[in-house]
């Protein structure tokens, strides 16, 4: 799970950098395809993380 958290943080940082560049160039985030693709990557990793957390919380029978 630690690897997933590191990867999520790395991809989230990349998304923040892309977003900042886009805003500095006065390009709306919704119009920037690269930002949208990175956002989807972060979303996918977040779903994986949440599923792993949910699996860890399930009671052992």
PDB file of N, CA and C in Angstrom:
ATOM      1  N   UNK A   1       0.828  -1.194   0.000  1.00  0.00           N
ATOM      2  CA  UNK A   1       0.000   0.000   0.000  1.00  0.00           C
ATOM      3  C   UNK A   1       0.870   1.255   0.000  1.00  0.00           C
ATOM      4  N   UNK A   2       2.039   1.179   0.615  1.00  0.00           N
ATOM      5  CA  UNK A   2       2.936   2.342   0.648  1.00  0.00           C
ATOM      6  C   UNK A   2       3.353   2.776  -0.755  1.00  0.00           C
ATOM      7  N   UNK A   3       3.565   1.793  -1.631  1.00  0.00           N
ATOM      8  CA  UNK A   3       3.926   2.122  -3.020  1.00  0.00           C
ATOM      9  C   UNK A   3       2.808   2.893  -3.703  1.00  0.00           C
ATOM     10  N   UNK A   4       1.578   2.475  -3.446  1.00  0.00           N
ATOM     11  CA  UNK A   4       0.425   3.146  -4.044  1.00  0.00           C
ATOM     12  C   UNK A   4       0.312   4.579  -3.530  1.00  0.00           C
ATOM     13  N   UNK A   5       0.548   4.772  -2.244  1.00  0.00           N
ATOM     14  CA  UNK A   5       0.479   6.116  -1.663  1.00  0.00           C
ATOM     15  C   UNK A   5       1.558   7.009  -2.270  1.00  0.00           C
ATOM     16  N   UNK A   6       2.763   6.474  -2.424  1.00  0.00           N
ATOM     17  CA  UNK A   6       3.849   7.255  -3.036  1.00  0.00           C
ATOM     18  C   UNK A   6       3.511   7.620  -4.480  1.00  0.00           C
ATOM     19  N   UNK A   7       2.985   6.654  -5.216  1.00  0.00           N
ATOM     20  CA  UNK A   7       2.623   6.907  -6.608  1.00  0.00           C
ATOM     21  C   UNK A   7       1.504   7.938  -6.685  1.00  0.00           C
ATOM     22  N   UNK A   8       0.526   7.834  -5.796  1.00  0.00           N
ATOM     23  CA  UNK A   8      -0.578   8.793  -5.760  1.00  0.00           C
ATOM     24  C   UNK A   8      -0.060  10.200  -5.482  1.00  0.00           C
ATOM     25  N   UNK A   9       0.820  10.339  -4.522  1.00  0.00           N
ATOM     26  CA  UNK A   9       1.375  11.655  -4.198  1.00  0.00           C
ATOM     27  C   UNK A   9       2.190  12.222  -5.361  1.00  0.00           C
ATOM     28  N   UNK A  10       2.956  11.363  -6.026  1.00  0.00           N
ATOM     29  CA  UNK A  10       3.757  11.807  -7.174  1.00  0.00           C
ATOM     30  C   UNK A  10       2.845  12.307  -8.298  1.00  0.00           C
ATOM     31  N   UNK A  11       1.804  11.554  -8.593  1.00  0.00           N
ATOM     32  CA  UNK A  11       0.877  11.934  -9.660  1.00  0.00           C
ATOM     33  C   UNK A  11       0.070  13.171  -9.276  1.00  0.00           C
ATOM     34  N   UNK A  12      -0.264  13.289  -8.006  1.00  0.00           N
ATOM     35  CA  UNK A  12      -0.994  14.470  -7.528  1.00  0.00           C
ATOM     36  C   UNK A  12      -0.124  15.720  -7.657  1.00  0.00           C
ATOM     37  N   UNK A  13       1.167  15.580  -7.337  1.00  0.00           N
ATOM     38  CA  UNK A  13       2.099  16.700  -7.475  1.00  0.00           C
ATOM     39  C   UNK A  13       2.218  17.121  -8.937  1.00  0.00           C
ATOM     40  N   UNK A  14       2.289  16.121  -9.827  1.00  0.00           N
ATOM     41  CA  UNK A  14       2.370  16.398 -11.260  1.00  0.00           C
ATOM     42  C   UNK A  14       1.117  17.155 -11.717  1.00  0.00           C
ATOM     43  N   UNK A  15      -0.044  16.740 -11.203  1.00  0.00           N
ATOM     44  CA  UNK A  15      -1.300  17.418 -11.541  1.00  0.00           C
ATOM     45  C   UNK A  15      -1.268  18.869 -11.065  1.00  0.00           C
ATOM     46  N   UNK A  16      -0.789  19.098  -9.864  1.00  0.00           N
ATOM     47  CA  UNK A  16      -0.699  20.467  -9.347  1.00  0.00           C
ATOM     48  C   UNK A  16       0.210  21.330 -10.216  1.00  0.00           C
ATOM     49  N   UNK A  17       1.344  20.771 -10.628  1.00  0.00           N
ATOM     50  CA  UNK A  17       2.275  21.526 -11.475  1.00  0.00           C
ATOM     51  C   UNK A  17       1.641  21.862 -12.826  1.00  0.00           C
ATOM     52  N   UNK A  18       0.969  20.882 -13.423  1.00  0.00           N
ATOM     53  CA  UNK A  18       0.302  21.130 -14.705  1.00  0.00           C
ATOM     54  C   UNK A  18      -0.789  22.189 -14.553  1.00  0.00           C
ATOM     55  N   UNK A  19      -1.524  22.112 -13.458  1.00  0.00           N
ATOM     56  CA  UNK A  19      -2.582  23.089 -13.210  1.00  0.00           C
ATOM     57  C   UNK A  19      -2.029  24.495 -13.053  1.00  0.00           C
ATOM     58  N   UNK A  20      -0.932  24.614 -12.313  1.00  0.00           N
ATOM     59  CA  UNK A  20      -0.316  25.928 -12.129  1.00  0.00           C
ATOM     60  C   UNK A  20       0.163  26.500 -13.459  1.00  0.00           C
ATOM     61  N   UNK A  21       0.810  25.668 -14.274  1.00  0.00           N
ATOM     62  CA  UNK A  21       1.286  26.128 -15.584  1.00  0.00           C
ATOM     63  C   UNK A  21       0.118  26.581 -16.451  1.00  0.00           C
ATOM     64  N   UNK A  22      -0.948  25.812 -16.422  1.00  0.00           N
ATOM     65  CA  UNK A  22      -2.123  26.135 -17.226  1.00  0.00           C
ATOM     66  C   UNK A  22      -2.713  27.476 -16.801  1.00  0.00           C
ATOM     67  N   UNK A  23      -2.824  27.672 -15.502  1.00  0.00           N
ATOM     68  CA  UNK A  23      -3.389  28.932 -15.004  1.00  0.00           C
ATOM     69  C   UNK A  23      -2.478  30.115 -15.308  1.00  0.00           C
ATOM     70  N   UNK A  24      -1.163  29.899 -15.229  1.00  0.00           N
ATOM     71  CA  UNK A  24      -0.225  30.982 -15.535  1.00  0.00           C
ATOM     72  C   UNK A  24      -0.313  31.388 -17.005  1.00  0.00           C
ATOM     73  N   UNK A  25      -0.708  30.443 -17.857  1.00  0.00           N
ATOM     74  CA  UNK A  25      -0.860  30.728 -19.283  1.00  0.00           C
ATOM     75  C   UNK A  25      -2.290  31.148 -19.615  1.00  0.00           C
ATOM     76  N   UNK A  26      -3.098  31.343 -18.579  1.00  0.00           N
ATOM     77  CA  UNK A  26      -4.511  31.743 -18.727  1.00  0.00           C
ATOM     78  C   UNK A  26      -5.331  30.735 -19.533  1.00  0.00           C
ATOM     79  N   UNK A  27      -4.970  29.467 -19.395  1.00  0.00           N
ATOM     80  CA  UNK A  27      -5.725  28.393 -20.049  1.00  0.00           C
ATOM     81  C   UNK A  27      -6.630  27.772 -18.987  1.00  0.00           C
ATOM     82  N   UNK A  28      -7.946  27.783 -19.200  1.00  0.00           N
ATOM     83  CA  UNK A  28      -8.840  27.151 -18.225  1.00  0.00           C
ATOM     84  C   UNK A  28      -8.483  25.668 -18.047  1.00  0.00           C
ATOM     85  N   UNK A  29      -8.529  25.204 -16.813  1.00  0.00           N
ATOM     86  CA  UNK A  29      -8.173  23.815 -16.540  1.00  0.00           C
ATOM     87  C   UNK A  29      -9.037  22.843 -17.336  1.00  0.00           C
ATOM     88  N   UNK A  30     -10.296  23.189 -17.503  1.00  0.00           N
ATOM     89  CA  UNK A  30     -11.214  22.303 -18.234  1.00  0.00           C
ATOM     90  C   UNK A  30     -10.887  22.225 -19.723  1.00  0.00           C
ATOM     91  N   UNK A  31     -10.152  23.199 -20.237  1.00  0.00           N
ATOM     92  CA  UNK A  31      -9.766  23.204 -21.650  1.00  0.00           C
ATOM     93  C   UNK A  31      -8.399  22.567 -21.897  1.00  0.00           C
ATOM     94  N   UNK A  32      -7.677  22.269 -20.833  1.00  0.00           N
ATOM     95  CA  UNK A  32      -6.328  21.721 -20.962  1.00  0.00           C
ATOM     96  C   UNK A  32      -6.400  20.192 -20.910  1.00  0.00           C
ATOM     97  N   UNK A  33      -6.211  19.560 -22.062  1.00  0.00           N
ATOM     98  CA  UNK A  33      -6.335  18.105 -22.165  1.00  0.00           C
ATOM     99  C   UNK A  33      -5.327  17.378 -21.280  1.00  0.00           C
ATOM    100  N   UNK A  34      -4.121  17.902 -21.192  1.00  0.00           N
ATOM    101  CA  UNK A  34      -3.079  17.268 -20.372  1.00  0.00           C
ATOM    102  C   UNK A  34      -3.478  17.260 -18.895  1.00  0.00           C
ATOM    103  N   UNK A  35      -4.050  18.358 -18.428  1.00  0.00           N
ATOM    104  CA  UNK A  35      -4.521  18.440 -17.040  1.00  0.00           C
ATOM    105  C   UNK A  35      -5.655  17.444 -16.817  1.00  0.00           C
ATOM    106  N   UNK A  36      -6.568  17.355 -17.766  1.00  0.00           N
ATOM    107  CA  UNK A  36      -7.702  16.438 -17.635  1.00  0.00           C
ATOM    108  C   UNK A  36      -7.239  14.979 -17.583  1.00  0.00           C
ATOM    109  N   UNK A  37      -6.274  14.619 -18.414  1.00  0.00           N
ATOM    110  CA  UNK A  37      -5.746  13.250 -18.408  1.00  0.00           C
ATOM    111  C   UNK A  37      -5.047  12.939 -17.090  1.00  0.00           C
ATOM    112  N   UNK A  38      -4.271  13.886 -16.594  1.00  0.00           N
ATOM    113  CA  UNK A  38      -3.574  13.681 -15.322  1.00  0.00           C
ATOM    114  C   UNK A  38      -4.579  13.572 -14.184  1.00  0.00           C
ATOM    115  N   UNK A  39      -5.622  14.359 -14.245  1.00  0.00           N
ATOM    116  CA  UNK A  39      -6.668  14.306 -13.228  1.00  0.00           C
ATOM    117  C   UNK A  39      -7.326  12.925 -13.208  1.00  0.00           C
ATOM    118  N   UNK A  40      -7.557  12.354 -14.374  1.00  0.00           N
ATOM    119  CA  UNK A  40      -8.134  11.003 -14.443  1.00  0.00           C
ATOM    120  C   UNK A  40      -7.173   9.971 -13.840  1.00  0.00           C
ATOM    121  N   UNK A  41      -5.864  10.127 -14.089  1.00  0.00           N
ATOM    122  CA  UNK A  41      -4.880   9.211 -13.489  1.00  0.00           C
ATOM    123  C   UNK A  41      -4.945   9.281 -11.965  1.00  0.00           C
ATOM    124  N   UNK A  42      -5.001  10.497 -11.445  1.00  0.00           N
ATOM    125  CA  UNK A  42      -5.075  10.678  -9.994  1.00  0.00           C
ATOM    126  C   UNK A  42      -6.374  10.070  -9.463  1.00  0.00           C
ATOM    127  N   UNK A  43      -7.472  10.283 -10.168  1.00  0.00           N
ATOM    128  CA  UNK A  43      -8.758   9.708  -9.752  1.00  0.00           C
ATOM    129  C   UNK A  43      -8.689   8.181  -9.699  1.00  0.00           C
ATOM    130  N   UNK A  44      -8.086   7.572 -10.713  1.00  0.00           N
ATOM    131  CA  UNK A  44      -7.975   6.113 -10.751  1.00  0.00           C
ATOM    132  C   UNK A  44      -7.145   5.590  -9.584  1.00  0.00           C
ATOM    133  N   UNK A  45      -6.047   6.263  -9.292  1.00  0.00           N
ATOM    134  CA  UNK A  45      -5.212   5.853  -8.163  1.00  0.00           C
ATOM    135  C   UNK A  45      -5.951   6.034  -6.843  1.00  0.00           C
ATOM    136  N   UNK A  46      -6.734   7.091  -6.741  1.00  0.00           N
ATOM    137  CA  UNK A  46      -7.495   7.338  -5.522  1.00  0.00           C
ATOM    138  C   UNK A  46      -8.538   6.241  -5.303  1.00  0.00           C
ATOM    139  N   UNK A  47      -9.180   5.805  -6.377  1.00  0.00           N
ATOM    140  CA  UNK A  47     -10.150   4.709  -6.271  1.00  0.00           C
ATOM    141  C   UNK A  47      -9.448   3.437  -5.799  1.00  0.00           C
ATOM    142  N   UNK A  48      -8.286   3.139  -6.360  1.00  0.00           N
ATOM    143  CA  UNK A  48      -7.521   1.962  -5.924  1.00  0.00           C
ATOM    144  C   UNK A  48      -7.187   2.059  -4.443  1.00  0.00           C
ATOM    145  N   UNK A  49      -6.748   3.233  -4.019  1.00  0.00           N
ATOM    146  CA  UNK A  49      -6.384   3.447  -2.622  1.00  0.00           C
ATOM    147  C   UNK A  49      -7.590   3.233  -1.711  1.00  0.00           C
ATOM    148  N   UNK A  50      -8.726   3.803  -2.074  1.00  0.00           N
ATOM    149  CA  UNK A  50      -9.925   3.665  -1.253  1.00  0.00           C
ATOM    150  C   UNK A  50     -10.391   2.216  -1.183  1.00  0.00           C
ATOM    151  N   UNK A  51     -10.276   1.491  -2.279  1.00  0.00           N
ATOM    152  CA  UNK A  51     -10.650   0.069  -2.273  1.00  0.00           C
ATOM    153  C   UNK A  51      -9.735  -0.729  -1.356  1.00  0.00           C
ATOM    154  N   UNK A  52      -8.441  -0.427  -1.391  1.00  0.00           N
ATOM    155  CA  UNK A  52      -7.498  -1.125  -0.509  1.00  0.00           C
ATOM    156  C   UNK A  52      -7.799  -0.822   0.949  1.00  0.00           C
ATOM    157  N   UNK A  53      -8.104   0.441   1.243  1.00  0.00           N
ATOM    158  CA  UNK A  53      -8.432   0.823   2.621  1.00  0.00           C
ATOM    159  C   UNK A  53      -9.697   0.110   3.086  1.00  0.00           C
ATOM    160  N   UNK A  54     -10.693   0.031   2.211  1.00  0.00           N
ATOM    161  CA  UNK A  54     -11.951  -0.630   2.561  1.00  0.00           C
ATOM    162  C   UNK A  54     -11.716  -2.119   2.812  1.00  0.00           C
ATOM    163  N   UNK A  55     -10.856  -2.726   1.996  1.00  0.00           N
ATOM    164  CA  UNK A  55     -10.554  -4.145   2.164  1.00  0.00           C
ATOM    165  C   UNK A  55      -9.848  -4.384   3.499  1.00  0.00           C
ATOM    166  N   UNK A  56      -8.960  -3.472   3.884  1.00  0.00           N
ATOM    167  CA  UNK A  56      -8.234  -3.594   5.149  1.00  0.00           C
ATOM    168  C   UNK A  56      -9.163  -3.469   6.350  1.00  0.00           C
ATOM    169  N   UNK A  57     -10.238  -2.718   6.192  1.00  0.00           N
ATOM    170  CA  UNK A  57     -11.157  -2.486   7.306  1.00  0.00           C
ATOM    171  C   UNK A  57     -12.190  -3.595   7.478  1.00  0.00           C
ATOM    172  N   UNK A  58     -12.287  -4.497   6.505  1.00  0.00           N
ATOM    173  CA  UNK A  58     -13.273  -5.571   6.613  1.00  0.00           C
ATOM    174  C   UNK A  58     -12.897  -6.489   7.766  1.00  0.00           C
ATOM    175  N   UNK A  59     -13.905  -6.861   8.558  1.00  0.00           N
ATOM    176  CA  UNK A  59     -13.611  -7.752   9.694  1.00  0.00           C
ATOM    177  C   UNK A  59     -13.180  -9.140   9.208  1.00  0.00           C
ATOM    178  N   UNK A  60     -12.288  -9.735   9.946  1.00  0.00           N
ATOM    179  CA  UNK A  60     -11.820 -11.082   9.634  1.00  0.00           C
ATOM    180  C   UNK A  60     -12.820 -12.068  10.211  1.00  0.00           C
ATOM    181  N   UNK A  61     -13.215 -13.029   9.401  1.00  0.00           N
ATOM    182  CA  UNK A  61     -14.223 -14.004   9.865  1.00  0.00           C
ATOM    183  C   UNK A  61     -13.611 -15.337  10.109  1.00  0.00           C
TER     184      UNK A  61
END
